[in-house]
Amino acid sequence: MFDSGVRTAADVAKALAIGAKFVFIGRLWVWGLGIAGEHGVRHVLKSLLAEFDILMEVGGFVKVDDFDRSCIDSLPNSSSLIAEHAAI
C-alpha cells in the first residue's frame, strides 16, 4: 500500500511501479468534498481515473500489472538533469 502526497495519476503510476498493490488518494477526495461536497468528490475521482486512462494510453500500458520498477528506473535522475544544464 502507498499513502503520502498522491495528487495525480502519475503519482499513482509511480506507486504501482514500485510495488504498491493499492494507493490511498485521501487528499483528493477531501479537496473535492471541501469544494463541492459529494459532487466534488465524484468530480475529482472521475478526473483522476480519466487522467490515469490517458497516462496508460500514452505510455503504451495495456493493464495495470504492466507497471513495474523498469518504468521508473529508466527515468533520468533529476539532479543529473540540473547538473547538465548548469553553467558553473
N, C-alpha and C. Protein backbone atom coordinates (compact mmCIF):
# COMPACT_ATOMS: atom_id res chain seq x y z
N MET A 1 0.84 -1.18 0.00
CA MET A 1 0.00 0.00 0.00
C MET A 1 0.88 1.24 0.00
N PHE A 2 0.39 2.29 -0.59
CA PHE A 2 1.15 3.54 -0.70
C PHE A 2 0.26 4.68 -0.25
N ASP A 3 0.77 5.50 0.63
CA ASP A 3 -0.01 6.62 1.13
C ASP A 3 0.93 7.77 1.47
N SER A 4 0.86 8.82 0.70
CA SER A 4 1.60 10.03 1.03
C SER A 4 1.76 10.90 -0.20
N GLY A 5 1.07 12.01 -0.21
CA GLY A 5 1.25 13.01 -1.24
C GLY A 5 0.75 12.66 -2.63
N VAL A 6 -0.18 11.74 -2.74
CA VAL A 6 -0.70 11.35 -4.05
C VAL A 6 -1.67 12.42 -4.54
N ARG A 7 -1.33 13.05 -5.67
CA ARG A 7 -2.16 14.12 -6.21
C ARG A 7 -2.56 13.89 -7.66
N THR A 8 -1.81 13.07 -8.39
CA THR A 8 -2.05 12.90 -9.82
C THR A 8 -2.00 11.42 -10.20
N ALA A 9 -2.44 11.15 -11.42
CA ALA A 9 -2.36 9.78 -11.94
C ALA A 9 -0.90 9.33 -12.05
N ALA A 10 -0.01 10.26 -12.33
CA ALA A 10 1.42 9.91 -12.40
C ALA A 10 1.91 9.42 -11.04
N ASP A 11 1.42 10.04 -9.97
CA ASP A 11 1.79 9.58 -8.62
C ASP A 11 1.28 8.15 -8.39
N VAL A 12 0.07 7.87 -8.83
CA VAL A 12 -0.50 6.52 -8.70
C VAL A 12 0.35 5.54 -9.50
N ALA A 13 0.71 5.89 -10.72
CA ALA A 13 1.52 5.01 -11.57
C ALA A 13 2.88 4.73 -10.94
N LYS A 14 3.50 5.75 -10.38
CA LYS A 14 4.81 5.55 -9.73
C LYS A 14 4.68 4.62 -8.53
N ALA A 15 3.61 4.79 -7.75
CA ALA A 15 3.40 3.91 -6.60
C ALA A 15 3.22 2.46 -7.05
N LEU A 16 2.44 2.26 -8.10
CA LEU A 16 2.25 0.91 -8.64
C LEU A 16 3.56 0.34 -9.16
N ALA A 17 4.37 1.19 -9.78
CA ALA A 17 5.65 0.75 -10.35
C ALA A 17 6.63 0.28 -9.28
N ILE A 18 6.53 0.84 -8.09
CA ILE A 18 7.44 0.40 -7.02
C ILE A 18 6.84 -0.71 -6.17
N GLY A 19 5.69 -1.23 -6.61
CA GLY A 19 5.15 -2.43 -5.98
C GLY A 19 3.90 -2.28 -5.14
N ALA A 20 3.31 -1.10 -5.08
CA ALA A 20 2.09 -0.92 -4.30
C ALA A 20 0.96 -1.75 -4.90
N LYS A 21 0.19 -2.39 -4.05
CA LYS A 21 -0.98 -3.15 -4.50
C LYS A 21 -2.21 -2.25 -4.54
N PHE A 22 -2.20 -1.19 -3.72
CA PHE A 22 -3.23 -0.17 -3.79
C PHE A 22 -2.66 1.14 -3.30
N VAL A 23 -3.32 2.24 -3.70
CA VAL A 23 -2.81 3.58 -3.43
C VAL A 23 -3.92 4.41 -2.77
N PHE A 24 -3.61 5.00 -1.63
CA PHE A 24 -4.57 5.86 -0.95
C PHE A 24 -4.60 7.23 -1.65
N ILE A 25 -5.79 7.75 -1.86
CA ILE A 25 -5.93 9.05 -2.51
C ILE A 25 -6.80 9.98 -1.67
N GLY A 26 -6.62 9.93 -0.37
CA GLY A 26 -7.45 10.70 0.55
C GLY A 26 -7.43 12.19 0.33
N ARG A 27 -6.29 12.73 0.02
CA ARG A 27 -6.18 14.18 -0.16
C ARG A 27 -7.11 14.67 -1.27
N LEU A 28 -7.18 13.93 -2.37
CA LEU A 28 -8.01 14.35 -3.50
C LEU A 28 -9.48 14.41 -3.14
N TRP A 29 -9.99 13.35 -2.51
CA TRP A 29 -11.42 13.37 -2.22
C TRP A 29 -11.75 14.38 -1.14
N VAL A 30 -10.83 14.64 -0.23
CA VAL A 30 -11.07 15.68 0.78
C VAL A 30 -11.14 17.05 0.12
N TRP A 31 -10.27 17.31 -0.85
CA TRP A 31 -10.34 18.57 -1.59
C TRP A 31 -11.67 18.69 -2.32
N GLY A 32 -12.08 17.62 -2.99
CA GLY A 32 -13.36 17.63 -3.70
C GLY A 32 -14.53 17.85 -2.76
N LEU A 33 -14.49 17.19 -1.62
CA LEU A 33 -15.55 17.34 -0.63
C LEU A 33 -15.62 18.76 -0.12
N GLY A 34 -14.47 19.34 0.15
CA GLY A 34 -14.42 20.71 0.65
C GLY A 34 -14.91 21.74 -0.35
N ILE A 35 -14.69 21.48 -1.62
CA ILE A 35 -15.07 22.44 -2.65
C ILE A 35 -16.53 22.31 -3.05
N ALA A 36 -17.00 21.07 -3.24
CA ALA A 36 -18.35 20.91 -3.79
C ALA A 36 -19.11 19.72 -3.21
N GLY A 37 -18.76 19.31 -2.01
CA GLY A 37 -19.48 18.21 -1.39
C GLY A 37 -19.35 16.91 -2.17
N GLU A 38 -20.43 16.12 -2.17
CA GLU A 38 -20.40 14.83 -2.86
C GLU A 38 -20.10 14.98 -4.35
N HIS A 39 -20.66 16.00 -4.97
CA HIS A 39 -20.40 16.23 -6.39
C HIS A 39 -18.90 16.47 -6.62
N GLY A 40 -18.25 17.20 -5.72
CA GLY A 40 -16.82 17.45 -5.84
C GLY A 40 -16.00 16.18 -5.72
N VAL A 41 -16.41 15.29 -4.82
CA VAL A 41 -15.71 14.01 -4.66
C VAL A 41 -15.82 13.20 -5.95
N ARG A 42 -17.03 13.13 -6.49
CA ARG A 42 -17.23 12.40 -7.75
C ARG A 42 -16.37 13.00 -8.87
N HIS A 43 -16.32 14.33 -8.90
CA HIS A 43 -15.55 15.01 -9.96
C HIS A 43 -14.06 14.69 -9.87
N VAL A 44 -13.47 14.79 -8.68
CA VAL A 44 -12.03 14.55 -8.58
C VAL A 44 -11.70 13.08 -8.84
N LEU A 45 -12.56 12.16 -8.42
CA LEU A 45 -12.29 10.75 -8.68
C LEU A 45 -12.42 10.42 -10.17
N LYS A 46 -13.44 10.97 -10.83
CA LYS A 46 -13.57 10.76 -12.27
C LYS A 46 -12.39 11.39 -13.02
N SER A 47 -11.95 12.55 -12.56
CA SER A 47 -10.81 13.22 -13.21
C SER A 47 -9.54 12.39 -13.06
N LEU A 48 -9.32 11.84 -11.87
CA LEU A 48 -8.13 11.01 -11.64
C LEU A 48 -8.17 9.76 -12.53
N LEU A 49 -9.33 9.13 -12.62
CA LEU A 49 -9.45 7.94 -13.47
C LEU A 49 -9.24 8.28 -14.94
N ALA A 50 -9.77 9.41 -15.38
CA ALA A 50 -9.58 9.83 -16.77
C ALA A 50 -8.11 10.11 -17.05
N GLU A 51 -7.46 10.79 -16.10
CA GLU A 51 -6.03 11.09 -16.25
C GLU A 51 -5.21 9.80 -16.29
N PHE A 52 -5.59 8.82 -15.46
CA PHE A 52 -4.88 7.55 -15.43
C PHE A 52 -5.07 6.79 -16.75
N ASP A 53 -6.28 6.84 -17.30
CA ASP A 53 -6.54 6.21 -18.61
C ASP A 53 -5.66 6.83 -19.69
N ILE A 54 -5.55 8.15 -19.68
CA ILE A 54 -4.71 8.85 -20.66
C ILE A 54 -3.24 8.45 -20.48
N LEU A 55 -2.79 8.43 -19.23
CA LEU A 55 -1.40 8.05 -18.94
C LEU A 55 -1.11 6.65 -19.47
N MET A 56 -2.03 5.72 -19.25
CA MET A 56 -1.82 4.35 -19.73
C MET A 56 -1.77 4.30 -21.25
N GLU A 57 -2.67 5.01 -21.91
CA GLU A 57 -2.69 5.02 -23.38
C GLU A 57 -1.41 5.61 -23.95
N VAL A 58 -1.02 6.76 -23.45
CA VAL A 58 0.17 7.44 -23.95
C VAL A 58 1.43 6.62 -23.66
N GLY A 59 1.45 5.98 -22.49
CA GLY A 59 2.62 5.19 -22.11
C GLY A 59 2.66 3.81 -22.74
N GLY A 60 1.58 3.42 -23.40
CA GLY A 60 1.55 2.11 -24.04
C GLY A 60 1.27 0.96 -23.08
N PHE A 61 0.66 1.26 -21.95
CA PHE A 61 0.34 0.21 -20.97
C PHE A 61 -1.04 -0.36 -21.29
N VAL A 62 -1.14 -1.69 -21.28
CA VAL A 62 -2.40 -2.35 -21.59
C VAL A 62 -3.18 -2.65 -20.32
N LYS A 63 -2.46 -3.00 -19.26
CA LYS A 63 -3.11 -3.31 -17.99
C LYS A 63 -2.28 -2.76 -16.84
N VAL A 64 -2.92 -2.62 -15.70
CA VAL A 64 -2.25 -2.04 -14.53
C VAL A 64 -1.04 -2.88 -14.13
N ASP A 65 -1.12 -4.18 -14.32
CA ASP A 65 0.01 -5.06 -13.97
C ASP A 65 1.26 -4.78 -14.79
N ASP A 66 1.14 -4.00 -15.86
CA ASP A 66 2.30 -3.65 -16.69
C ASP A 66 3.24 -2.67 -15.99
N PHE A 67 2.77 -2.00 -14.95
CA PHE A 67 3.62 -1.07 -14.22
C PHE A 67 4.57 -1.87 -13.34
N ASP A 68 5.86 -1.69 -13.55
CA ASP A 68 6.86 -2.32 -12.70
C ASP A 68 8.05 -1.37 -12.53
N ARG A 69 9.03 -1.84 -11.81
CA ARG A 69 10.18 -1.00 -11.47
C ARG A 69 10.88 -0.43 -12.71
N SER A 70 10.87 -1.16 -13.81
CA SER A 70 11.55 -0.69 -15.01
C SER A 70 10.94 0.60 -15.55
N CYS A 71 9.70 0.86 -15.20
CA CYS A 71 9.03 2.09 -15.65
C CYS A 71 9.69 3.33 -15.09
N ILE A 72 10.20 3.22 -13.87
CA ILE A 72 10.82 4.40 -13.26
C ILE A 72 12.34 4.33 -13.25
N ASP A 73 12.90 3.13 -13.35
CA ASP A 73 14.36 3.02 -13.38
C ASP A 73 14.95 3.64 -14.64
N SER A 74 14.16 3.71 -15.70
CA SER A 74 14.66 4.26 -16.96
C SER A 74 14.59 5.79 -17.00
N LEU A 75 13.95 6.40 -16.00
CA LEU A 75 13.87 7.86 -15.97
C LEU A 75 15.20 8.46 -15.55
N PRO A 76 15.58 9.60 -16.11
CA PRO A 76 16.84 10.23 -15.70
C PRO A 76 16.73 10.78 -14.28
N ASN A 77 17.83 10.79 -13.59
CA ASN A 77 17.89 11.37 -12.26
C ASN A 77 17.77 12.88 -12.39
N SER A 78 16.88 13.48 -11.62
CA SER A 78 16.64 14.92 -11.77
C SER A 78 17.90 15.73 -11.45
N SER A 79 18.73 15.26 -10.52
CA SER A 79 19.94 16.02 -10.21
C SER A 79 20.92 15.99 -11.38
N SER A 80 20.93 14.90 -12.15
CA SER A 80 21.82 14.86 -13.31
C SER A 80 21.33 15.80 -14.40
N LEU A 81 20.02 15.97 -14.51
CA LEU A 81 19.48 16.91 -15.49
C LEU A 81 19.87 18.34 -15.14
N ILE A 82 19.80 18.66 -13.87
CA ILE A 82 20.16 20.01 -13.42
C ILE A 82 21.64 20.25 -13.67
N ALA A 83 22.47 19.27 -13.33
CA ALA A 83 23.92 19.43 -13.49
C ALA A 83 24.31 19.60 -14.96
N GLU A 84 23.60 18.92 -15.85
CA GLU A 84 23.93 19.02 -17.28
C GLU A 84 23.70 20.43 -17.82
N HIS A 85 22.71 21.12 -17.28
CA HIS A 85 22.34 22.42 -17.81
C HIS A 85 22.87 23.59 -16.97
N ALA A 86 23.56 23.27 -15.91
CA ALA A 86 24.08 24.34 -15.04
C ALA A 86 25.33 24.96 -15.66
N ALA A 87 25.40 26.26 -15.59
CA ALA A 87 26.59 26.97 -16.08
C ALA A 87 27.43 27.34 -14.87
N ILE A 88 28.38 26.47 -14.55
CA ILE A 88 29.22 26.71 -13.36
C ILE A 88 30.59 27.17 -13.79
